[in-house]
C-alpha atoms as a PDB file:
ATOM      1  CA  MET A   1       0.000   0.000   0.000  1.00  0.00           C
ATOM      2  CA  VAL A   2       1.307   3.447  -0.964  1.00  0.00           C
ATOM      3  CA  SER A   3       0.266   6.591   0.873  1.00  0.00           C
ATOM      4  CA  THR A   4       0.876  10.165  -0.238  1.00  0.00           C
ATOM      5  CA  ASN A   5      -0.459  13.613   0.486  1.00  0.00           C
ATOM      6  CA  ASN A   6       0.323  15.245  -2.851  1.00  0.00           C
ATOM      7  CA  VAL A   7      -2.345  13.727  -5.098  1.00  0.00           C
ATOM      8  CA  SER A   8      -4.728  16.087  -6.900  1.00  0.00           C
ATOM      9  CA  VAL A   9      -7.659  15.353  -9.201  1.00  0.00           C
ATOM     10  CA  VAL A  10      -8.602  17.366 -12.291  1.00  0.00           C
ATOM     11  CA  CYS A  11     -12.150  16.395 -13.277  1.00  0.00           C
ATOM     12  CA  ASN A  12     -13.702  16.437 -16.719  1.00  0.00           C
ATOM     13  CA  GLY A  13     -14.810  19.736 -18.227  1.00  0.00           C
ATOM     14  CA  VAL A  14     -16.419  21.186 -21.341  1.00  0.00           C
ATOM     15  CA  ASP A  15     -15.583  23.922 -23.841  1.00  0.00           C
ATOM     16  CA  SER A  16     -18.224  26.388 -22.671  1.00  0.00           C
ATOM     17  CA  ASN A  17     -17.427  28.822 -25.486  1.00  0.00           C
ATOM     18  CA  TYR A  18     -18.035  26.165 -28.141  1.00  0.00           C
ATOM     19  CA  PHE A  19     -21.105  24.655 -26.445  1.00  0.00           C
ATOM     20  CA  SER A  20     -22.789  27.987 -25.922  1.00  0.00           C
ATOM     21  CA  PRO A  21     -26.443  29.000 -25.481  1.00  0.00           C
ATOM     22  CA  TYR A  22     -25.759  31.718 -28.056  1.00  0.00           C
ATOM     23  CA  PHE A  23     -25.090  29.210 -30.844  1.00  0.00           C
ATOM     24  CA  LYS A  24     -27.179  30.069 -33.926  1.00  0.00           C
ATOM     25  CA  CYS A  25     -29.193  27.037 -34.981  1.00  0.00           C
ATOM     26  CA  LYS A  26     -29.794  26.413 -38.701  1.00  0.00           C
ATOM     27  CA  GLN A  27     -32.067  23.413 -38.257  1.00  0.00           C
ATOM     28  CA  LYS A  28     -35.786  23.916 -38.823  1.00  0.00           C
ATOM     29  CA  ARG A  29     -38.298  22.328 -36.481  1.00  0.00           C
ATOM     30  CA  LEU A  30     -42.042  21.879 -36.719  1.00  0.00           C
ATOM     31  CA  GLY A  31     -42.849  21.094 -33.093  1.00  0.00           C
ATOM     32  CA  PRO A  32     -41.369  20.304 -29.687  1.00  0.00           C
ATOM     33  CA  VAL A  33     -38.047  18.437 -29.737  1.00  0.00           C
ATOM     34  CA  ILE A  34     -36.269  16.044 -27.378  1.00  0.00           C
ATOM     35  CA  THR A  35     -32.627  15.190 -28.072  1.00  0.00           C
ATOM     36  CA  PHE A  36     -30.213  12.479 -26.997  1.00  0.00           C
ATOM     37  CA  THR A  37     -26.583  12.565 -28.146  1.00  0.00           C
ATOM     38  CA  GLY A  38     -23.913   9.886 -28.037  1.00  0.00           C
ATOM     39  CA  VAL A  39     -21.997   7.296 -30.026  1.00  0.00           C
ATOM     40  CA  MET A  40     -24.691   4.821 -30.940  1.00  0.00           C
ATOM     41  CA  ASP A  41     -22.733   1.579 -31.013  1.00  0.00           C
ATOM     42  CA  TYR A  42     -21.940   1.995 -27.307  1.00  0.00           C
ATOM     43  CA  TRP A  43     -23.992  -0.487 -25.277  1.00  0.00           C
ATOM     44  CA  PRO A  44     -25.122   1.839 -22.422  1.00  0.00           C
ATOM     45  CA  ASN A  45     -26.332   4.389 -25.016  1.00  0.00           C
ATOM     46  CA  ILE A  46     -28.138   1.676 -26.971  1.00  0.00           C
ATOM     47  CA  GLU A  47     -29.893   0.314 -23.894  1.00  0.00           C
ATOM     48  CA  GLY A  48     -30.729   3.823 -22.705  1.00  0.00           C
ATOM     49  CA  VAL A  49     -32.466   4.945 -25.902  1.00  0.00           C
ATOM     50  CA  LYS A  50     -34.253   1.594 -26.257  1.00  0.00           C
ATOM     51  CA  TRP A  51     -35.700   1.989 -22.764  1.00  0.00           C
ATOM     52  CA  PHE A  52     -36.654   5.598 -23.444  1.00  0.00           C
ATOM     53  CA  VAL A  53     -38.321   4.903 -26.807  1.00  0.00           C
ATOM     54  CA  ARG A  54     -40.198   1.816 -25.628  1.00  0.00           C
ATOM     55  CA  LYS A  55     -41.172   2.794 -22.098  1.00  0.00           C
ATOM     56  CA  VAL A  56     -41.025   6.588 -21.746  1.00  0.00           C
ATOM     57  CA  PHE A  57     -41.621   8.205 -25.137  1.00  0.00           C
ATOM     58  CA  PRO A  58     -45.107   6.722 -25.751  1.00  0.00           C
ATOM     59  CA  ARG A  59     -46.330   8.377 -22.545  1.00  0.00           C
ATOM     60  CA  ILE A  60     -44.791  11.690 -23.555  1.00  0.00           C
ATOM     61  CA  ARG A  61     -46.240  11.485 -27.062  1.00  0.00           C
ATOM     62  CA  ALA A  62     -49.688  10.737 -25.661  1.00  0.00           C
ATOM     63  CA  MET A  63     -49.584  14.135 -23.946  1.00  0.00           C
ATOM     64  CA  VAL A  64     -47.585  16.000 -26.627  1.00  0.00           C
ATOM     65  CA  PRO A  65     -48.611  14.341 -29.938  1.00  0.00           C
ATOM     66  CA  ASP A  66     -46.361  16.402 -32.240  1.00  0.00           C
ATOM     67  CA  ILE A  67     -43.152  15.908 -30.286  1.00  0.00           C
ATOM     68  CA  VAL A  68     -40.047  14.495 -32.020  1.00  0.00           C
ATOM     69  CA  PHE A  69     -37.229  12.545 -30.385  1.00  0.00           C
ATOM     70  CA  TYR A  70     -33.830  12.833 -32.091  1.00  0.00           C
ATOM     71  CA  ILE A  71     -31.223  10.154 -31.427  1.00  0.00           C
ATOM     72  CA  VAL A  72     -28.052  11.888 -32.563  1.00  0.00           C
ATOM     73  CA  GLY A  73     -24.727  10.117 -32.922  1.00  0.00           C
ATOM     74  CA  SER A  74     -22.461   8.102 -35.166  1.00  0.00           C
ATOM     75  CA  LYS A  75     -22.502   4.346 -35.797  1.00  0.00           C
ATOM     76  CA  PRO A  76     -26.119   3.528 -34.887  1.00  0.00           C
ATOM     77  CA  THR A  77     -26.581  -0.217 -34.665  1.00  0.00           C
ATOM     78  CA  VAL A  78     -29.368  -2.068 -36.442  1.00  0.00           C
ATOM     79  CA  GLU A  79     -31.458  -2.153 -33.264  1.00  0.00           C
ATOM     80  CA  VAL A  80     -31.045   1.604 -32.836  1.00  0.00           C
ATOM     81  CA  ARG A  81     -31.989   2.300 -36.466  1.00  0.00           C
ATOM     82  CA  ARG A  82     -35.094   0.153 -36.024  1.00  0.00           C
ATOM     83  CA  LEU A  83     -36.350   2.553 -33.367  1.00  0.00           C
ATOM     84  CA  ALA A  84     -36.973   5.081 -36.159  1.00  0.00           C
ATOM     85  CA  VAL A  85     -39.976   3.049 -37.384  1.00  0.00           C
ATOM     86  CA  ARG A  86     -41.877   4.446 -34.400  1.00  0.00           C
ATOM     87  CA  ASP A  87     -43.801   7.660 -34.913  1.00  0.00           C
ATOM     88  CA  GLY A  88     -41.873  10.696 -33.763  1.00  0.00           C
ATOM     89  CA  VAL A  89     -38.456   9.008 -33.510  1.00  0.00           C
ATOM     90  CA  CYS A  90     -35.581  10.144 -35.752  1.00  0.00           C
ATOM     91  CA  VAL A  91     -32.173   8.434 -35.825  1.00  0.00           C
ATOM     92  CA  THR A  92     -29.705  10.789 -37.489  1.00  0.00           C
ATOM     93  CA  GLY A  93     -26.472   8.813 -37.561  1.00  0.00           C
ATOM     94  CA  TYR A  94     -23.303  10.899 -37.815  1.00  0.00           C
ATOM     95  CA  VAL A  95     -23.833  14.679 -37.910  1.00  0.00           C
ATOM     96  CA  ASP A  96     -21.300  17.394 -38.702  1.00  0.00           C
ATOM     97  CA  ASP A  97     -22.206  19.508 -35.684  1.00  0.00           C
ATOM     98  CA  VAL A  98     -24.050  18.081 -32.698  1.00  0.00           C
ATOM     99  CA  ARG A  99     -24.774  21.620 -31.488  1.00  0.00           C
ATOM    100  CA  GLU A 100     -27.452  21.952 -34.177  1.00  0.00           C
ATOM    101  CA  TYR A 101     -29.520  19.267 -32.476  1.00  0.00           C
ATOM    102  CA  LEU A 102     -28.779  20.407 -28.958  1.00  0.00           C
ATOM    103  CA  CYS A 103     -29.718  23.939 -29.948  1.00  0.00           C
ATOM    104  CA  MET A 104     -33.151  23.048 -31.305  1.00  0.00           C
ATOM    105  CA  ALA A 105     -34.010  20.773 -28.367  1.00  0.00           C
ATOM    106  CA  ASP A 106     -36.605  21.899 -25.863  1.00  0.00           C
ATOM    107  CA  VAL A 107     -35.359  19.156 -23.551  1.00  0.00           C
ATOM    108  CA  CYS A 108     -32.270  16.939 -23.633  1.00  0.00           C
ATOM    109  CA  VAL A 109     -32.550  13.478 -22.117  1.00  0.00           C
ATOM    110  CA  VAL A 110     -29.866  11.150 -20.811  1.00  0.00           C
ATOM    111  CA  PRO A 111     -31.754   7.950 -19.885  1.00  0.00           C
ATOM    112  CA  LEU A 112     -28.736   5.783 -19.069  1.00  0.00           C
ATOM    113  CA  CYS A 113     -29.222   2.691 -16.943  1.00  0.00           C
ATOM    114  CA  ILE A 114     -25.445   2.147 -16.755  1.00  0.00           C
ATOM    115  CA  ALA A 115     -22.924   4.994 -16.579  1.00  0.00           C
ATOM    116  CA  ARG A 116     -19.519   5.674 -15.070  1.00  0.00           C
ATOM    117  CA  GLY A 117     -17.969   9.060 -14.426  1.00  0.00           C
ATOM    118  CA  VAL A 118     -19.041  12.482 -15.603  1.00  0.00           C
ATOM    119  CA  GLN A 119     -20.908  12.223 -18.922  1.00  0.00           C
ATOM    120  CA  ASN A 120     -19.769  14.535 -21.733  1.00  0.00           C
ATOM    121  CA  LYS A 121     -23.273  14.503 -23.203  1.00  0.00           C
ATOM    122  CA  VAL A 122     -24.644  15.932 -19.948  1.00  0.00           C
ATOM    123  CA  LEU A 123     -21.970  18.633 -19.725  1.00  0.00           C
ATOM    124  CA  GLU A 124     -22.530  19.680 -23.343  1.00  0.00           C
ATOM    125  CA  ALA A 125     -26.299  19.984 -22.947  1.00  0.00           C
ATOM    126  CA  LEU A 126     -25.977  21.917 -19.677  1.00  0.00           C
ATOM    127  CA  SER A 127     -23.346  24.167 -21.245  1.00  0.00           C
ATOM    128  CA  MET A 128     -25.797  25.115 -24.002  1.00  0.00           C
ATOM    129  CA  GLY A 129     -28.306  26.149 -21.368  1.00  0.00           C
ATOM    130  CA  LYS A 130     -30.639  23.251 -22.003  1.00  0.00           C
ATOM    131  CA  ALA A 131     -33.115  21.708 -19.601  1.00  0.00           C
ATOM    132  CA  VAL A 132     -31.900  18.156 -19.008  1.00  0.00           C
ATOM    133  CA  VAL A 133     -33.725  15.125 -17.627  1.00  0.00           C
ATOM    134  CA  CYS A 134     -31.470  12.214 -16.716  1.00  0.00           C
ATOM    135  CA  THR A 135     -31.285   9.116 -14.566  1.00  0.00           C
ATOM    136  CA  SER A 136     -29.325   9.057 -11.322  1.00  0.00           C
ATOM    137  CA  GLN A 137     -26.677   6.934 -13.069  1.00  0.00           C
ATOM    138  CA  ALA A 138     -26.112   9.641 -15.679  1.00  0.00           C
ATOM    139  CA  ILE A 139     -25.555  12.346 -13.059  1.00  0.00           C
ATOM    140  CA  GLU A 140     -23.051  10.234 -11.101  1.00  0.00           C
ATOM    141  CA  GLY A 141     -19.973  12.305 -10.298  1.00  0.00           C
ATOM    142  CA  LEU A 142     -21.574  15.551 -11.460  1.00  0.00           C
ATOM    143  CA  ASN A 143     -21.740  18.491  -9.090  1.00  0.00           C
ATOM    144  CA  ALA A 144     -25.192  19.733 -10.052  1.00  0.00           C
ATOM    145  CA  ILE A 145     -28.234  20.256  -7.848  1.00  0.00           C
ATOM    146  CA  PRO A 146     -31.090  17.865  -8.741  1.00  0.00           C
ATOM    147  CA  MET A 147     -34.410  19.574  -9.492  1.00  0.00           C
ATOM    148  CA  GLU A 148     -32.732  23.013  -9.526  1.00  0.00           C
ATOM    149  CA  GLU A 149     -30.093  22.633 -12.240  1.00  0.00           C
ATOM    150  CA  ILE A 150     -31.062  19.262 -13.693  1.00  0.00           C
ATOM    151  CA  PHE A 151     -34.065  16.945 -13.368  1.00  0.00           C
ATOM    152  CA  VAL A 152     -33.278  13.418 -12.152  1.00  0.00           C
ATOM    153  CA  GLU A 153     -35.832  10.622 -12.563  1.00  0.00           C
ATOM    154  CA  ASN A 154     -35.434   6.851 -12.745  1.00  0.00           C
ATOM    155  CA  ASP A 155     -38.818   5.247 -13.397  1.00  0.00           C
ATOM    156  CA  GLU A 156     -40.577   5.542 -16.734  1.00  0.00           C
ATOM    157  CA  ASN A 157     -43.618   7.459 -15.502  1.00  0.00           C
ATOM    158  CA  SER A 158     -41.690  10.058 -13.500  1.00  0.00           C
ATOM    159  CA  PHE A 159     -39.203  10.509 -16.334  1.00  0.00           C
ATOM    160  CA  ALA A 160     -42.015  11.100 -18.823  1.00  0.00           C
ATOM    161  CA  ASP A 161     -43.823  13.497 -16.495  1.00  0.00           C
ATOM    162  CA  ALA A 162     -40.637  15.527 -15.982  1.00  0.00           C
ATOM    163  CA  VAL A 163     -40.103  15.883 -19.738  1.00  0.00           C
ATOM    164  CA  VAL A 164     -43.741  16.879 -20.306  1.00  0.00           C
ATOM    165  CA  THR A 165     -43.578  19.448 -17.495  1.00  0.00           C
ATOM    166  CA  LEU A 166     -40.563  21.075 -19.143  1.00  0.00           C
ATOM    167  CA  ILE A 167     -42.070  20.935 -22.629  1.00  0.00           C
ATOM    168  CA  GLN A 168     -45.286  22.557 -21.480  1.00  0.00           C
ATOM    169  CA  ASN A 169     -43.790  25.159 -19.156  1.00  0.00           C
ATOM    170  CA  ARG A 170     -41.308  27.515 -20.832  1.00  0.00           C
ATOM    171  CA  GLU A 171     -40.628  29.408 -17.595  1.00  0.00           C
ATOM    172  CA  ILE A 172     -39.503  26.293 -15.714  1.00  0.00           C
ATOM    173  CA  ARG A 173     -37.544  25.103 -18.746  1.00  0.00           C
ATOM    174  CA  ASN A 174     -35.707  28.383 -19.182  1.00  0.00           C
ATOM    175  CA  ARG A 175     -34.970  28.707 -15.469  1.00  0.00           C
ATOM    176  CA  LEU A 176     -33.515  25.196 -15.362  1.00  0.00           C
ATOM    177  CA  GLY A 177     -31.390  25.902 -18.434  1.00  0.00           C
ATOM    178  CA  GLU A 178     -30.075  29.177 -17.047  1.00  0.00           C
ATOM    179  CA  ARG A 179     -29.063  27.534 -13.787  1.00  0.00           C
ATOM    180  CA  ALA A 180     -27.464  24.683 -15.708  1.00  0.00           C
ATOM    181  CA  ARG A 181     -25.334  27.117 -17.682  1.00  0.00           C
ATOM    182  CA  CYS A 182     -24.270  28.880 -14.474  1.00  0.00           C
ATOM    183  CA  ARG A 183     -23.212  25.539 -13.019  1.00  0.00           C
ATOM    184  CA  ILE A 184     -21.019  24.892 -16.046  1.00  0.00           C
ATOM    185  CA  GLU A 185     -19.430  28.339 -15.862  1.00  0.00           C
ATOM    186  CA  GLN A 186     -18.747  27.951 -12.140  1.00  0.00           C
ATOM    187  CA  SER A 187     -17.566  24.355 -12.054  1.00  0.00           C
ATOM    188  CA  TYR A 188     -16.961  22.742 -15.454  1.00  0.00           C
ATOM    189  CA  SER A 189     -15.534  25.221 -17.964  1.00  0.00           C
ATOM    190  CA  TRP A 190     -12.034  24.313 -19.114  1.00  0.00           C
ATOM    191  CA  LYS A 191     -10.809  27.652 -17.780  1.00  0.00           C
ATOM    192  CA  GLU A 192     -12.013  26.632 -14.331  1.00  0.00           C
ATOM    193  CA  LYS A 193     -10.725  23.069 -14.533  1.00  0.00           C
ATOM    194  CA  LEU A 194      -7.315  23.890 -16.013  1.00  0.00           C
ATOM    195  CA  SER A 195      -6.697  26.583 -13.395  1.00  0.00           C
ATOM    196  CA  ILE A 196      -6.355  23.695 -10.927  1.00  0.00           C
ATOM    197  CA  LEU A 197      -3.732  22.098 -13.168  1.00  0.00           C
ATOM    198  CA  ASN A 198      -1.881  25.409 -13.475  1.00  0.00           C
ATOM    199  CA  ASP A 199      -1.795  25.684  -9.692  1.00  0.00           C
ATOM    200  CA  ILE A 200      -0.410  22.153  -9.405  1.00  0.00           C
ATOM    201  CA  LEU A 201       2.279  22.723 -12.029  1.00  0.00           C
ATOM    202  CA  GLY A 202       3.198  26.049 -10.471  1.00  0.00           C
ATOM    203  CA  ALA A 203       3.570  24.485  -7.060  1.00  0.00           C
ATOM    204  CA  ASN A 204       5.733  21.689  -8.458  1.00  0.00           C
ATOM    205  CA  LYS A 205       7.966  24.207 -10.244  1.00  0.00           C
ATOM    206  CA  TYR A 206       8.782  26.014  -7.022  1.00  0.00           C
ATOM    207  CA  ASN A 207       9.231  22.769  -5.082  1.00  0.00           C
ATOM    208  CA  GLN A 208      11.967  21.450  -7.356  1.00  0.00           C
END
Protein backbone atom coordinates (compact mmCIF):
# COMPACT_ATOMS: atom_id res chain seq x y z
CA MET A 1 0.00 0.00 0.00
CA VAL A 2 1.31 3.45 -0.96
CA SER A 3 0.27 6.59 0.87
CA THR A 4 0.88 10.16 -0.24
CA ASN A 5 -0.46 13.61 0.49
CA ASN A 6 0.32 15.24 -2.85
CA VAL A 7 -2.35 13.73 -5.10
CA SER A 8 -4.73 16.09 -6.90
CA VAL A 9 -7.66 15.35 -9.20
CA VAL A 10 -8.60 17.37 -12.29
CA CYS A 11 -12.15 16.39 -13.28
CA ASN A 12 -13.70 16.44 -16.72
CA GLY A 13 -14.81 19.74 -18.23
CA VAL A 14 -16.42 21.19 -21.34
CA ASP A 15 -15.58 23.92 -23.84
CA SER A 16 -18.22 26.39 -22.67
CA ASN A 17 -17.43 28.82 -25.49
CA TYR A 18 -18.04 26.17 -28.14
CA PHE A 19 -21.10 24.66 -26.44
CA SER A 20 -22.79 27.99 -25.92
CA PRO A 21 -26.44 29.00 -25.48
CA TYR A 22 -25.76 31.72 -28.06
CA PHE A 23 -25.09 29.21 -30.84
CA LYS A 24 -27.18 30.07 -33.93
CA CYS A 25 -29.19 27.04 -34.98
CA LYS A 26 -29.79 26.41 -38.70
CA GLN A 27 -32.07 23.41 -38.26
CA LYS A 28 -35.79 23.92 -38.82
CA ARG A 29 -38.30 22.33 -36.48
CA LEU A 30 -42.04 21.88 -36.72
CA GLY A 31 -42.85 21.09 -33.09
CA PRO A 32 -41.37 20.30 -29.69
CA VAL A 33 -38.05 18.44 -29.74
CA ILE A 34 -36.27 16.04 -27.38
CA THR A 35 -32.63 15.19 -28.07
CA PHE A 36 -30.21 12.48 -27.00
CA THR A 37 -26.58 12.57 -28.15
CA GLY A 38 -23.91 9.89 -28.04
CA VAL A 39 -22.00 7.30 -30.03
CA MET A 40 -24.69 4.82 -30.94
CA ASP A 41 -22.73 1.58 -31.01
CA TYR A 42 -21.94 2.00 -27.31
CA TRP A 43 -23.99 -0.49 -25.28
CA PRO A 44 -25.12 1.84 -22.42
CA ASN A 45 -26.33 4.39 -25.02
CA ILE A 46 -28.14 1.68 -26.97
CA GLU A 47 -29.89 0.31 -23.89
CA GLY A 48 -30.73 3.82 -22.70
CA VAL A 49 -32.47 4.94 -25.90
CA LYS A 50 -34.25 1.59 -26.26
CA TRP A 51 -35.70 1.99 -22.76
CA PHE A 52 -36.65 5.60 -23.44
CA VAL A 53 -38.32 4.90 -26.81
CA ARG A 54 -40.20 1.82 -25.63
CA LYS A 55 -41.17 2.79 -22.10
CA VAL A 56 -41.02 6.59 -21.75
CA PHE A 57 -41.62 8.20 -25.14
CA PRO A 58 -45.11 6.72 -25.75
CA ARG A 59 -46.33 8.38 -22.55
CA ILE A 60 -44.79 11.69 -23.56
CA ARG A 61 -46.24 11.49 -27.06
CA ALA A 62 -49.69 10.74 -25.66
CA MET A 63 -49.58 14.14 -23.95
CA VAL A 64 -47.59 16.00 -26.63
CA PRO A 65 -48.61 14.34 -29.94
CA ASP A 66 -46.36 16.40 -32.24
CA ILE A 67 -43.15 15.91 -30.29
CA VAL A 68 -40.05 14.50 -32.02
CA PHE A 69 -37.23 12.55 -30.39
CA TYR A 70 -33.83 12.83 -32.09
CA ILE A 71 -31.22 10.15 -31.43
CA VAL A 72 -28.05 11.89 -32.56
CA GLY A 73 -24.73 10.12 -32.92
CA SER A 74 -22.46 8.10 -35.17
CA LYS A 75 -22.50 4.35 -35.80
CA PRO A 76 -26.12 3.53 -34.89
CA THR A 77 -26.58 -0.22 -34.67
CA VAL A 78 -29.37 -2.07 -36.44
CA GLU A 79 -31.46 -2.15 -33.26
CA VAL A 80 -31.05 1.60 -32.84
CA ARG A 81 -31.99 2.30 -36.47
CA ARG A 82 -35.09 0.15 -36.02
CA LEU A 83 -36.35 2.55 -33.37
CA ALA A 84 -36.97 5.08 -36.16
CA VAL A 85 -39.98 3.05 -37.38
CA ARG A 86 -41.88 4.45 -34.40
CA ASP A 87 -43.80 7.66 -34.91
CA GLY A 88 -41.87 10.70 -33.76
CA VAL A 89 -38.46 9.01 -33.51
CA CYS A 90 -35.58 10.14 -35.75
CA VAL A 91 -32.17 8.43 -35.82
CA THR A 92 -29.70 10.79 -37.49
CA GLY A 93 -26.47 8.81 -37.56
CA TYR A 94 -23.30 10.90 -37.81
CA VAL A 95 -23.83 14.68 -37.91
CA ASP A 96 -21.30 17.39 -38.70
CA ASP A 97 -22.21 19.51 -35.68
CA VAL A 98 -24.05 18.08 -32.70
CA ARG A 99 -24.77 21.62 -31.49
CA GLU A 100 -27.45 21.95 -34.18
CA TYR A 101 -29.52 19.27 -32.48
CA LEU A 102 -28.78 20.41 -28.96
CA CYS A 103 -29.72 23.94 -29.95
CA MET A 104 -33.15 23.05 -31.31
CA ALA A 105 -34.01 20.77 -28.37
CA ASP A 106 -36.60 21.90 -25.86
CA VAL A 107 -35.36 19.16 -23.55
CA CYS A 108 -32.27 16.94 -23.63
CA VAL A 109 -32.55 13.48 -22.12
CA VAL A 110 -29.87 11.15 -20.81
CA PRO A 111 -31.75 7.95 -19.88
CA LEU A 112 -28.74 5.78 -19.07
CA CYS A 113 -29.22 2.69 -16.94
CA ILE A 114 -25.45 2.15 -16.76
CA ALA A 115 -22.92 4.99 -16.58
CA ARG A 116 -19.52 5.67 -15.07
CA GLY A 117 -17.97 9.06 -14.43
CA VAL A 118 -19.04 12.48 -15.60
CA GLN A 119 -20.91 12.22 -18.92
CA ASN A 120 -19.77 14.54 -21.73
CA LYS A 121 -23.27 14.50 -23.20
CA VAL A 122 -24.64 15.93 -19.95
CA LEU A 123 -21.97 18.63 -19.73
CA GLU A 124 -22.53 19.68 -23.34
CA ALA A 125 -26.30 19.98 -22.95
CA LEU A 126 -25.98 21.92 -19.68
CA SER A 127 -23.35 24.17 -21.24
CA MET A 128 -25.80 25.12 -24.00
CA GLY A 129 -28.31 26.15 -21.37
CA LYS A 130 -30.64 23.25 -22.00
CA ALA A 131 -33.12 21.71 -19.60
CA VAL A 132 -31.90 18.16 -19.01
CA VAL A 133 -33.72 15.12 -17.63
CA CYS A 134 -31.47 12.21 -16.72
CA THR A 135 -31.28 9.12 -14.57
CA SER A 136 -29.32 9.06 -11.32
CA GLN A 137 -26.68 6.93 -13.07
CA ALA A 138 -26.11 9.64 -15.68
CA ILE A 139 -25.55 12.35 -13.06
CA GLU A 140 -23.05 10.23 -11.10
CA GLY A 141 -19.97 12.31 -10.30
CA LEU A 142 -21.57 15.55 -11.46
CA ASN A 143 -21.74 18.49 -9.09
CA ALA A 144 -25.19 19.73 -10.05
CA ILE A 145 -28.23 20.26 -7.85
CA PRO A 146 -31.09 17.87 -8.74
CA MET A 147 -34.41 19.57 -9.49
CA GLU A 148 -32.73 23.01 -9.53
CA GLU A 149 -30.09 22.63 -12.24
CA ILE A 150 -31.06 19.26 -13.69
CA PHE A 151 -34.06 16.94 -13.37
CA VAL A 152 -33.28 13.42 -12.15
CA GLU A 153 -35.83 10.62 -12.56
CA ASN A 154 -35.43 6.85 -12.75
CA ASP A 155 -38.82 5.25 -13.40
CA GLU A 156 -40.58 5.54 -16.73
CA ASN A 157 -43.62 7.46 -15.50
CA SER A 158 -41.69 10.06 -13.50
CA PHE A 159 -39.20 10.51 -16.33
CA ALA A 160 -42.02 11.10 -18.82
CA ASP A 161 -43.82 13.50 -16.50
CA ALA A 162 -40.64 15.53 -15.98
CA VAL A 163 -40.10 15.88 -19.74
CA VAL A 164 -43.74 16.88 -20.31
CA THR A 165 -43.58 19.45 -17.50
CA LEU A 166 -40.56 21.08 -19.14
CA ILE A 167 -42.07 20.94 -22.63
CA GLN A 168 -45.29 22.56 -21.48
CA ASN A 169 -43.79 25.16 -19.16
CA ARG A 170 -41.31 27.51 -20.83
CA GLU A 171 -40.63 29.41 -17.60
CA ILE A 172 -39.50 26.29 -15.71
CA ARG A 173 -37.54 25.10 -18.75
CA ASN A 174 -35.71 28.38 -19.18
CA ARG A 175 -34.97 28.71 -15.47
CA LEU A 176 -33.52 25.20 -15.36
CA GLY A 177 -31.39 25.90 -18.43
CA GLU A 178 -30.07 29.18 -17.05
CA ARG A 179 -29.06 27.53 -13.79
CA ALA A 180 -27.46 24.68 -15.71
CA ARG A 181 -25.33 27.12 -17.68
CA CYS A 182 -24.27 28.88 -14.47
CA ARG A 183 -23.21 25.54 -13.02
CA ILE A 184 -21.02 24.89 -16.05
CA GLU A 185 -19.43 28.34 -15.86
CA GLN A 186 -18.75 27.95 -12.14
CA SER A 187 -17.57 24.35 -12.05
CA TYR A 188 -16.96 22.74 -15.45
CA SER A 189 -15.53 25.22 -17.96
CA TRP A 190 -12.03 24.31 -19.11
CA LYS A 191 -10.81 27.65 -17.78
CA GLU A 192 -12.01 26.63 -14.33
CA LYS A 193 -10.72 23.07 -14.53
CA LEU A 194 -7.32 23.89 -16.01
CA SER A 195 -6.70 26.58 -13.39
CA ILE A 196 -6.36 23.70 -10.93
CA LEU A 197 -3.73 22.10 -13.17
CA ASN A 198 -1.88 25.41 -13.48
CA ASP A 199 -1.80 25.68 -9.69
CA ILE A 200 -0.41 22.15 -9.40
CA LEU A 201 2.28 22.72 -12.03
CA GLY A 202 3.20 26.05 -10.47
CA ALA A 203 3.57 24.49 -7.06
CA ASN A 204 5.73 21.69 -8.46
CA LYS A 205 7.97 24.21 -10.24
CA TYR A 206 8.78 26.01 -7.02
CA ASN A 207 9.23 22.77 -5.08
CA GLN A 208 11.97 21.45 -7.36
